[in-house]
PDB file of N, CA and C in Angstrom:
ATOM      1  N   UNK A   1      17.640 -14.380   9.494  1.00  0.00           N
ATOM      2  CA  UNK A   1      18.445 -15.362   9.746  1.00  0.00           C
ATOM      3  C   UNK A   1      19.026 -16.047   8.322  1.00  0.00           C
ATOM      4  N   UNK A   2      18.036 -15.890   7.163  1.00  0.00           N
ATOM      5  CA  UNK A   2      18.558 -16.368   6.035  1.00  0.00           C
ATOM      6  C   UNK A   2      19.692 -15.932   5.445  1.00  0.00           C
ATOM      7  N   UNK A   3      19.949 -14.580   5.929  1.00  0.00           N
ATOM      8  CA  UNK A   3      21.142 -13.849   5.305  1.00  0.00           C
ATOM      9  C   UNK A   3      22.304 -14.272   5.804  1.00  0.00           C
ATOM     10  N   UNK A   4      22.263 -14.691   7.101  1.00  0.00           N
ATOM     11  CA  UNK A   4      23.666 -15.354   7.720  1.00  0.00           C
ATOM     12  C   UNK A   4      23.841 -16.744   7.416  1.00  0.00           C
ATOM     13  N   UNK A   5      23.011 -17.680   6.802  1.00  0.00           N
ATOM     14  CA  UNK A   5      23.278 -18.938   6.592  1.00  0.00           C
ATOM     15  C   UNK A   5      23.528 -19.139   5.150  1.00  0.00           C
ATOM     16  N   UNK A   6      24.473 -19.897   4.571  1.00  0.00           N
ATOM     17  CA  UNK A   6      24.759 -20.130   3.036  1.00  0.00           C
ATOM     18  C   UNK A   6      23.398 -20.865   2.606  1.00  0.00           C
ATOM     19  N   UNK A   7      22.826 -20.464   1.472  1.00  0.00           N
ATOM     20  CA  UNK A   7      21.521 -20.966   0.902  1.00  0.00           C
ATOM     21  C   UNK A   7      21.937 -22.447   0.558  1.00  0.00           C
ATOM     22  N   UNK A   8      23.180 -23.041   0.195  1.00  0.00           N
ATOM     23  CA  UNK A   8      23.116 -24.376   0.108  1.00  0.00           C
ATOM     24  C   UNK A   8      22.980 -25.145   1.231  1.00  0.00           C
ATOM     25  N   UNK A   9      23.679 -24.775   2.397  1.00  0.00           N
ATOM     26  CA  UNK A   9      23.453 -25.267   3.817  1.00  0.00           C
ATOM     27  C   UNK A   9      21.758 -25.270   3.988  1.00  0.00           C
ATOM     28  N   UNK A  10      21.108 -24.075   3.662  1.00  0.00           N
ATOM     29  CA  UNK A  10      19.663 -24.041   4.214  1.00  0.00           C
ATOM     30  C   UNK A  10      18.683 -25.049   3.343  1.00  0.00           C
ATOM     31  N   UNK A  11      19.096 -25.209   2.126  1.00  0.00           N
ATOM     32  CA  UNK A  11      18.451 -26.026   1.196  1.00  0.00           C
ATOM     33  C   UNK A  11      18.517 -27.545   1.516  1.00  0.00           C
ATOM     34  N   UNK A  12      19.982 -27.851   1.949  1.00  0.00           N
ATOM     35  CA  UNK A  12      20.168 -29.010   2.497  1.00  0.00           C
ATOM     36  C   UNK A  12      19.498 -29.446   3.662  1.00  0.00           C
ATOM     37  N   UNK A  13      19.472 -28.421   4.681  1.00  0.00           N
ATOM     38  CA  UNK A  13      18.470 -28.545   5.773  1.00  0.00           C
ATOM     39  C   UNK A  13      16.868 -28.811   5.462  1.00  0.00           C
ATOM     40  N   UNK A  14      16.445 -28.079   4.635  1.00  0.00           N
ATOM     41  CA  UNK A  14      14.961 -28.221   4.099  1.00  0.00           C
ATOM     42  C   UNK A  14      14.905 -29.502   3.634  1.00  0.00           C
ATOM     43  N   UNK A  15      15.681 -30.122   2.934  1.00  0.00           N
ATOM     44  CA  UNK A  15      15.694 -31.443   2.178  1.00  0.00           C
ATOM     45  C   UNK A  15      15.596 -32.445   3.478  1.00  0.00           C
ATOM     46  N   UNK A  16      16.421 -32.437   4.258  1.00  0.00           N
ATOM     47  CA  UNK A  16      16.522 -33.297   5.514  1.00  0.00           C
ATOM     48  C   UNK A  16      15.193 -33.065   6.235  1.00  0.00           C
ATOM     49  N   UNK A  17      14.690 -32.084   6.502  1.00  0.00           N
ATOM     50  CA  UNK A  17      13.441 -31.958   7.294  1.00  0.00           C
ATOM     51  C   UNK A  17      12.465 -32.232   6.564  1.00  0.00           C
ATOM     52  N   UNK A  18      12.408 -32.174   5.189  1.00  0.00           N
ATOM     53  CA  UNK A  18      11.220 -32.570   4.363  1.00  0.00           C
ATOM     54  C   UNK A  18      11.266 -33.990   4.372  1.00  0.00           C
ATOM     55  N   UNK A  19      12.482 -34.899   4.303  1.00  0.00           N
ATOM     56  CA  UNK A  19      12.347 -36.299   4.289  1.00  0.00           C
ATOM     57  C   UNK A  19      11.917 -36.817   5.597  1.00  0.00           C
ATOM     58  N   UNK A  20      12.252 -36.166   6.577  1.00  0.00           N
ATOM     59  CA  UNK A  20      11.845 -36.690   8.006  1.00  0.00           C
ATOM     60  C   UNK A  20      10.273 -36.328   8.086  1.00  0.00           C
ATOM     61  N   UNK A  21       9.757 -35.353   7.568  1.00  0.00           N
ATOM     62  CA  UNK A  21       8.309 -35.067   7.526  1.00  0.00           C
ATOM     63  C   UNK A  21       7.443 -36.010   6.782  1.00  0.00           C
ATOM     64  N   UNK A  22       8.307 -36.444   5.508  1.00  0.00           N
ATOM     65  CA  UNK A  22       7.666 -37.228   4.729  1.00  0.00           C
ATOM     66  C   UNK A  22       7.421 -38.720   5.164  1.00  0.00           C
ATOM     67  N   UNK A  23       8.417 -39.052   5.842  1.00  0.00           N
ATOM     68  CA  UNK A  23       8.324 -40.393   6.381  1.00  0.00           C
ATOM     69  C   UNK A  23       7.433 -40.546   7.523  1.00  0.00           C
ATOM     70  N   UNK A  24       7.439 -39.554   8.382  1.00  0.00           N
ATOM     71  CA  UNK A  24       6.537 -39.229   9.777  1.00  0.00           C
ATOM     72  C   UNK A  24       4.971 -39.409   9.197  1.00  0.00           C
ATOM     73  N   UNK A  25       4.821 -38.344   7.933  1.00  0.00           N
ATOM     74  CA  UNK A  25       3.337 -38.444   7.455  1.00  0.00           C
ATOM     75  C   UNK A  25       3.020 -39.829   6.871  1.00  0.00           C
ATOM     76  N   UNK A  26       3.904 -40.420   6.115  1.00  0.00           N
ATOM     77  CA  UNK A  26       3.462 -41.691   5.634  1.00  0.00           C
ATOM     78  C   UNK A  26       3.036 -42.764   6.608  1.00  0.00           C
ATOM     79  N   UNK A  27       3.918 -42.660   7.788  1.00  0.00           N
ATOM     80  CA  UNK A  27       3.672 -43.572   8.856  1.00  0.00           C
ATOM     81  C   UNK A  27       2.499 -43.512   9.519  1.00  0.00           C
ATOM     82  N   UNK A  28       2.238 -42.094   9.722  1.00  0.00           N
ATOM     83  CA  UNK A  28       0.914 -41.848  10.294  1.00  0.00           C
ATOM     84  C   UNK A  28      -0.435 -41.952   9.508  1.00  0.00           C
ATOM     85  N   UNK A  29      -0.203 -41.798   8.119  1.00  0.00           N
ATOM     86  CA  UNK A  29      -1.314 -42.054   7.224  1.00  0.00           C
ATOM     87  C   UNK A  29      -1.429 -43.677   7.174  1.00  0.00           C
ATOM     88  N   UNK A  30      -0.694 -44.551   7.061  1.00  0.00           N
ATOM     89  CA  UNK A  30      -0.867 -45.830   7.241  1.00  0.00           C
ATOM     90  C   UNK A  30      -1.426 -46.311   8.643  1.00  0.00           C
ATOM     91  N   UNK A  31      -1.062 -45.686   9.616  1.00  0.00           N
ATOM     92  CA  UNK A  31      -1.688 -46.248  10.833  1.00  0.00           C
ATOM     93  C   UNK A  31      -3.020 -45.699  10.908  1.00  0.00           C
ATOM     94  N   UNK A  32      -3.317 -44.602  10.414  1.00  0.00           N
ATOM     95  CA  UNK A  32      -4.770 -44.024  10.377  1.00  0.00           C
ATOM     96  C   UNK A  32      -5.620 -44.914   9.609  1.00  0.00           C
ATOM     97  N   UNK A  33      -5.009 -45.145   8.402  1.00  0.00           N
ATOM     98  CA  UNK A  33      -5.925 -46.052   7.404  1.00  0.00           C
ATOM     99  C   UNK A  33      -6.087 -47.481   7.914  1.00  0.00           C
ATOM    100  N   UNK A  34      -5.281 -47.746   8.700  1.00  0.00           N
ATOM    101  CA  UNK A  34      -5.429 -49.323   9.243  1.00  0.00           C
ATOM    102  C   UNK A  34      -6.211 -49.210  10.340  1.00  0.00           C
ATOM    103  N   UNK A  35      -6.700 -48.240  10.981  1.00  0.00           N
ATOM    104  CA  UNK A  35      -7.762 -48.065  11.965  1.00  0.00           C
ATOM    105  C   UNK A  35      -9.213 -47.969  11.087  1.00  0.00           C
ATOM    106  N   UNK A  36      -8.862 -47.389  10.185  1.00  0.00           N
ATOM    107  CA  UNK A  36     -10.276 -47.098   9.329  1.00  0.00           C
ATOM    108  C   UNK A  36     -10.961 -48.155   8.576  1.00  0.00           C
ATOM    109  N   UNK A  37     -10.141 -49.204   8.219  1.00  0.00           N
ATOM    110  CA  UNK A  37     -10.521 -50.207   7.255  1.00  0.00           C
ATOM    111  C   UNK A  37     -10.764 -51.515   8.286  1.00  0.00           C
ATOM    112  N   UNK A  38     -11.657 -52.637   7.909  1.00  0.00           N
ATOM    113  CA  UNK A  38     -11.876 -53.574   8.565  1.00  0.00           C
ATOM    114  C   UNK A  38     -10.892 -54.867   8.615  1.00  0.00           C
ATOM    115  N   UNK A  39      -9.760 -54.778   7.983  1.00  0.00           N
ATOM    116  CA  UNK A  39      -8.645 -55.582   8.076  1.00  0.00           C
ATOM    117  C   UNK A  39      -7.423 -55.086   8.151  1.00  0.00           C
ATOM    118  N   UNK A  40      -6.413 -55.888   8.869  1.00  0.00           N
ATOM    119  CA  UNK A  40      -4.895 -55.465   9.243  1.00  0.00           C
ATOM    120  C   UNK A  40      -4.348 -55.768   7.915  1.00  0.00           C
ATOM    121  N   UNK A  41      -3.804 -54.495   7.681  1.00  0.00           N
ATOM    122  CA  UNK A  41      -2.756 -54.169   6.313  1.00  0.00           C
ATOM    123  C   UNK A  41      -1.582 -55.124   6.435  1.00  0.00           C
ATOM    124  N   UNK A  42      -1.160 -55.303   7.393  1.00  0.00           N
ATOM    125  CA  UNK A  42       0.082 -56.096   7.389  1.00  0.00           C
ATOM    126  C   UNK A  42      -0.199 -57.688   7.181  1.00  0.00           C
ATOM    127  N   UNK A  43      -1.382 -58.023   7.980  1.00  0.00           N
ATOM    128  CA  UNK A  43      -1.823 -59.503   7.604  1.00  0.00           C
ATOM    129  C   UNK A  43      -2.061 -59.607   6.079  1.00  0.00           C
ATOM    130  N   UNK A  44      -2.855 -58.710   5.610  1.00  0.00           N
ATOM    131  CA  UNK A  44      -3.178 -58.959   4.081  1.00  0.00           C
ATOM    132  C   UNK A  44      -1.973 -58.904   3.312  1.00  0.00           C
ATOM    133  N   UNK A  45      -0.967 -58.125   3.734  1.00  0.00           N
ATOM    134  CA  UNK A  45       0.261 -57.965   2.684  1.00  0.00           C
ATOM    135  C   UNK A  45       1.113 -59.485   2.895  1.00  0.00           C
ATOM    136  N   UNK A  46       1.072 -59.955   4.338  1.00  0.00           N
ATOM    137  CA  UNK A  46       1.711 -61.278   4.427  1.00  0.00           C
ATOM    138  C   UNK A  46       1.132 -62.374   3.559  1.00  0.00           C
ATOM    139  N   UNK A  47      -0.228 -62.323   3.493  1.00  0.00           N
ATOM    140  CA  UNK A  47      -0.854 -63.142   2.558  1.00  0.00           C
ATOM    141  C   UNK A  47      -0.665 -63.039   1.221  1.00  0.00           C
ATOM    142  N   UNK A  48      -0.204 -61.984   0.688  1.00  0.00           N
ATOM    143  CA  UNK A  48       0.081 -61.593  -0.620  1.00  0.00           C
ATOM    144  C   UNK A  48      -0.622 -60.969  -1.273  1.00  0.00           C
ATOM    145  N   UNK A  49      -1.930 -60.273  -0.721  1.00  0.00           N
ATOM    146  CA  UNK A  49      -2.954 -59.431  -1.402  1.00  0.00           C
ATOM    147  C   UNK A  49      -2.366 -58.336  -1.990  1.00  0.00           C
ATOM    148  N   UNK A  50      -2.379 -58.580  -3.341  1.00  0.00           N
ATOM    149  CA  UNK A  50      -1.672 -57.325  -4.381  1.00  0.00           C
ATOM    150  C   UNK A  50      -2.693 -56.135  -4.132  1.00  0.00           C
ATOM    151  N   UNK A  51      -3.738 -55.891  -3.960  1.00  0.00           N
ATOM    152  CA  UNK A  51      -4.659 -54.842  -4.074  1.00  0.00           C
ATOM    153  C   UNK A  51      -4.270 -54.189  -2.625  1.00  0.00           C
ATOM    154  N   UNK A  52      -4.027 -54.619  -1.548  1.00  0.00           N
ATOM    155  CA  UNK A  52      -3.725 -54.051  -0.353  1.00  0.00           C
ATOM    156  C   UNK A  52      -2.414 -53.467  -0.476  1.00  0.00           C
ATOM    157  N   UNK A  53      -1.310 -53.910  -1.320  1.00  0.00           N
ATOM    158  CA  UNK A  53      -0.167 -53.705  -1.539  1.00  0.00           C
ATOM    159  C   UNK A  53      -0.196 -52.136  -2.429  1.00  0.00           C
ATOM    160  N   UNK A  54      -1.128 -52.247  -3.616  1.00  0.00           N
ATOM    161  CA  UNK A  54      -1.464 -51.278  -4.253  1.00  0.00           C
ATOM    162  C   UNK A  54      -2.005 -49.987  -3.591  1.00  0.00           C
ATOM    163  N   UNK A  55      -2.906 -50.383  -2.435  1.00  0.00           N
ATOM    164  CA  UNK A  55      -3.605 -49.298  -1.758  1.00  0.00           C
ATOM    165  C   UNK A  55      -2.480 -48.510  -1.159  1.00  0.00           C
ATOM    166  N   UNK A  56      -1.472 -49.354  -0.375  1.00  0.00           N
ATOM    167  CA  UNK A  56      -0.582 -48.677   0.557  1.00  0.00           C
ATOM    168  C   UNK A  56       0.418 -47.808  -0.451  1.00  0.00           C
ATOM    169  N   UNK A  57       0.807 -48.512  -1.570  1.00  0.00           N
ATOM    170  CA  UNK A  57       1.606 -47.732  -2.386  1.00  0.00           C
ATOM    171  C   UNK A  57       1.039 -46.447  -2.810  1.00  0.00           C
ATOM    172  N   UNK A  58      -0.162 -46.449  -3.041  1.00  0.00           N
ATOM    173  CA  UNK A  58      -0.970 -45.117  -3.407  1.00  0.00           C
ATOM    174  C   UNK A  58      -0.896 -44.038  -2.239  1.00  0.00           C
ATOM    175  N   UNK A  59      -1.021 -44.859  -1.073  1.00  0.00           N
ATOM    176  CA  UNK A  59      -0.933 -43.587   0.046  1.00  0.00           C
ATOM    177  C   UNK A  59       0.336 -43.129   0.118  1.00  0.00           C
ATOM    178  N   UNK A  60       1.289 -43.762   0.123  1.00  0.00           N
ATOM    179  CA  UNK A  60       2.732 -43.267   0.168  1.00  0.00           C
ATOM    180  C   UNK A  60       2.891 -42.209  -1.080  1.00  0.00           C
ATOM    181  N   UNK A  61       2.796 -42.688  -2.249  1.00  0.00           N
ATOM    182  CA  UNK A  61       2.914 -41.715  -3.297  1.00  0.00           C
ATOM    183  C   UNK A  61       2.217 -40.467  -3.269  1.00  0.00           C
ATOM    184  N   UNK A  62       0.935 -40.565  -2.897  1.00  0.00           N
ATOM    185  CA  UNK A  62       0.172 -39.454  -2.677  1.00  0.00           C
ATOM    186  C   UNK A  62       0.580 -38.423  -1.431  1.00  0.00           C
ATOM    187  N   UNK A  63       1.023 -38.943  -0.329  1.00  0.00           N
ATOM    188  CA  UNK A  63       1.522 -38.304   0.790  1.00  0.00           C
ATOM    189  C   UNK A  63       2.925 -37.635   0.319  1.00  0.00           C
ATOM    190  N   UNK A  64       3.801 -38.474  -0.190  1.00  0.00           N
ATOM    191  CA  UNK A  64       5.056 -38.043  -0.632  1.00  0.00           C
ATOM    192  C   UNK A  64       5.004 -36.921  -1.924  1.00  0.00           C
ATOM    193  N   UNK A  65       4.041 -37.088  -2.776  1.00  0.00           N
ATOM    194  CA  UNK A  65       3.993 -35.996  -3.755  1.00  0.00           C
ATOM    195  C   UNK A  65       3.497 -34.701  -2.938  1.00  0.00           C
ATOM    196  N   UNK A  66       2.474 -34.822  -2.180  1.00  0.00           N
ATOM    197  CA  UNK A  66       1.909 -33.591  -1.569  1.00  0.00           C
ATOM    198  C   UNK A  66       2.977 -32.711  -0.777  1.00  0.00           C
ATOM    199  N   UNK A  67       3.616 -33.807   0.048  1.00  0.00           N
ATOM    200  CA  UNK A  67       4.578 -33.074   0.968  1.00  0.00           C
ATOM    201  C   UNK A  67       5.846 -32.394   0.000  1.00  0.00           C
ATOM    202  N   UNK A  68       6.267 -33.202  -1.149  1.00  0.00           N
ATOM    203  CA  UNK A  68       7.364 -32.691  -1.892  1.00  0.00           C
ATOM    204  C   UNK A  68       7.040 -31.484  -2.529  1.00  0.00           C
ATOM    205  N   UNK A  69       5.617 -31.234  -2.980  1.00  0.00           N
ATOM    206  CA  UNK A  69       5.343 -30.080  -3.574  1.00  0.00           C
ATOM    207  C   UNK A  69       5.380 -28.949  -2.532  1.00  0.00           C
ATOM    208  N   UNK A  70       4.813 -29.121  -1.125  1.00  0.00           N
ATOM    209  CA  UNK A  70       4.674 -28.132  -0.318  1.00  0.00           C
ATOM    210  C   UNK A  70       6.350 -27.578  -0.069  1.00  0.00           C
ATOM    211  N   UNK A  71       7.235 -28.533   0.173  1.00  0.00           N
ATOM    212  CA  UNK A  71       8.580 -28.154   0.587  1.00  0.00           C
ATOM    213  C   UNK A  71       9.263 -27.606  -0.550  1.00  0.00           C
ATOM    214  N   UNK A  72       8.854 -28.257  -1.801  1.00  0.00           N
ATOM    215  CA  UNK A  72       9.792 -27.540  -3.036  1.00  0.00           C
ATOM    216  C   UNK A  72       9.177 -26.182  -3.247  1.00  0.00           C
ATOM    217  N   UNK A  73       7.909 -25.940  -3.131  1.00  0.00           N
ATOM    218  CA  UNK A  73       7.536 -24.531  -3.588  1.00  0.00           C
ATOM    219  C   UNK A  73       7.745 -23.664  -2.382  1.00  0.00           C
ATOM    220  N   UNK A  74       8.111 -24.358  -1.213  1.00  0.00           N
ATOM    221  CA  UNK A  74       8.457 -23.124  -0.182  1.00  0.00           C
ATOM    222  C   UNK A  74       9.921 -22.727  -0.302  1.00  0.00           C
ATOM    223  N   UNK A  75      10.735 -23.220  -1.134  1.00  0.00           N
ATOM    224  CA  UNK A  75      11.975 -23.005  -1.196  1.00  0.00           C
ATOM    225  C   UNK A  75      12.068 -21.624  -2.203  1.00  0.00           C
ATOM    226  N   UNK A  76      11.429 -21.230  -2.853  1.00  0.00           N
ATOM    227  CA  UNK A  76      11.256 -19.988  -3.560  1.00  0.00           C
ATOM    228  C   UNK A  76      11.644 -18.911  -2.925  1.00  0.00           C
TER     229      UNK A  76
END
């Protein structure tokens, strides 16, 4: 199939699918972590708890980096 599709279009589709997957896994990771801790992440962020904000930022950066590497290395 890759012989019939222009590589530029194929890479664009990979980027779109990768972005959607990254957002989905970030949402899922945040939901699962919210169930694992004894506090509600949204309530703590509303109170201005910086530690919870940094924790969520770490989750998003970690998942985004991992999926970005998987997708990027799969383009070879």
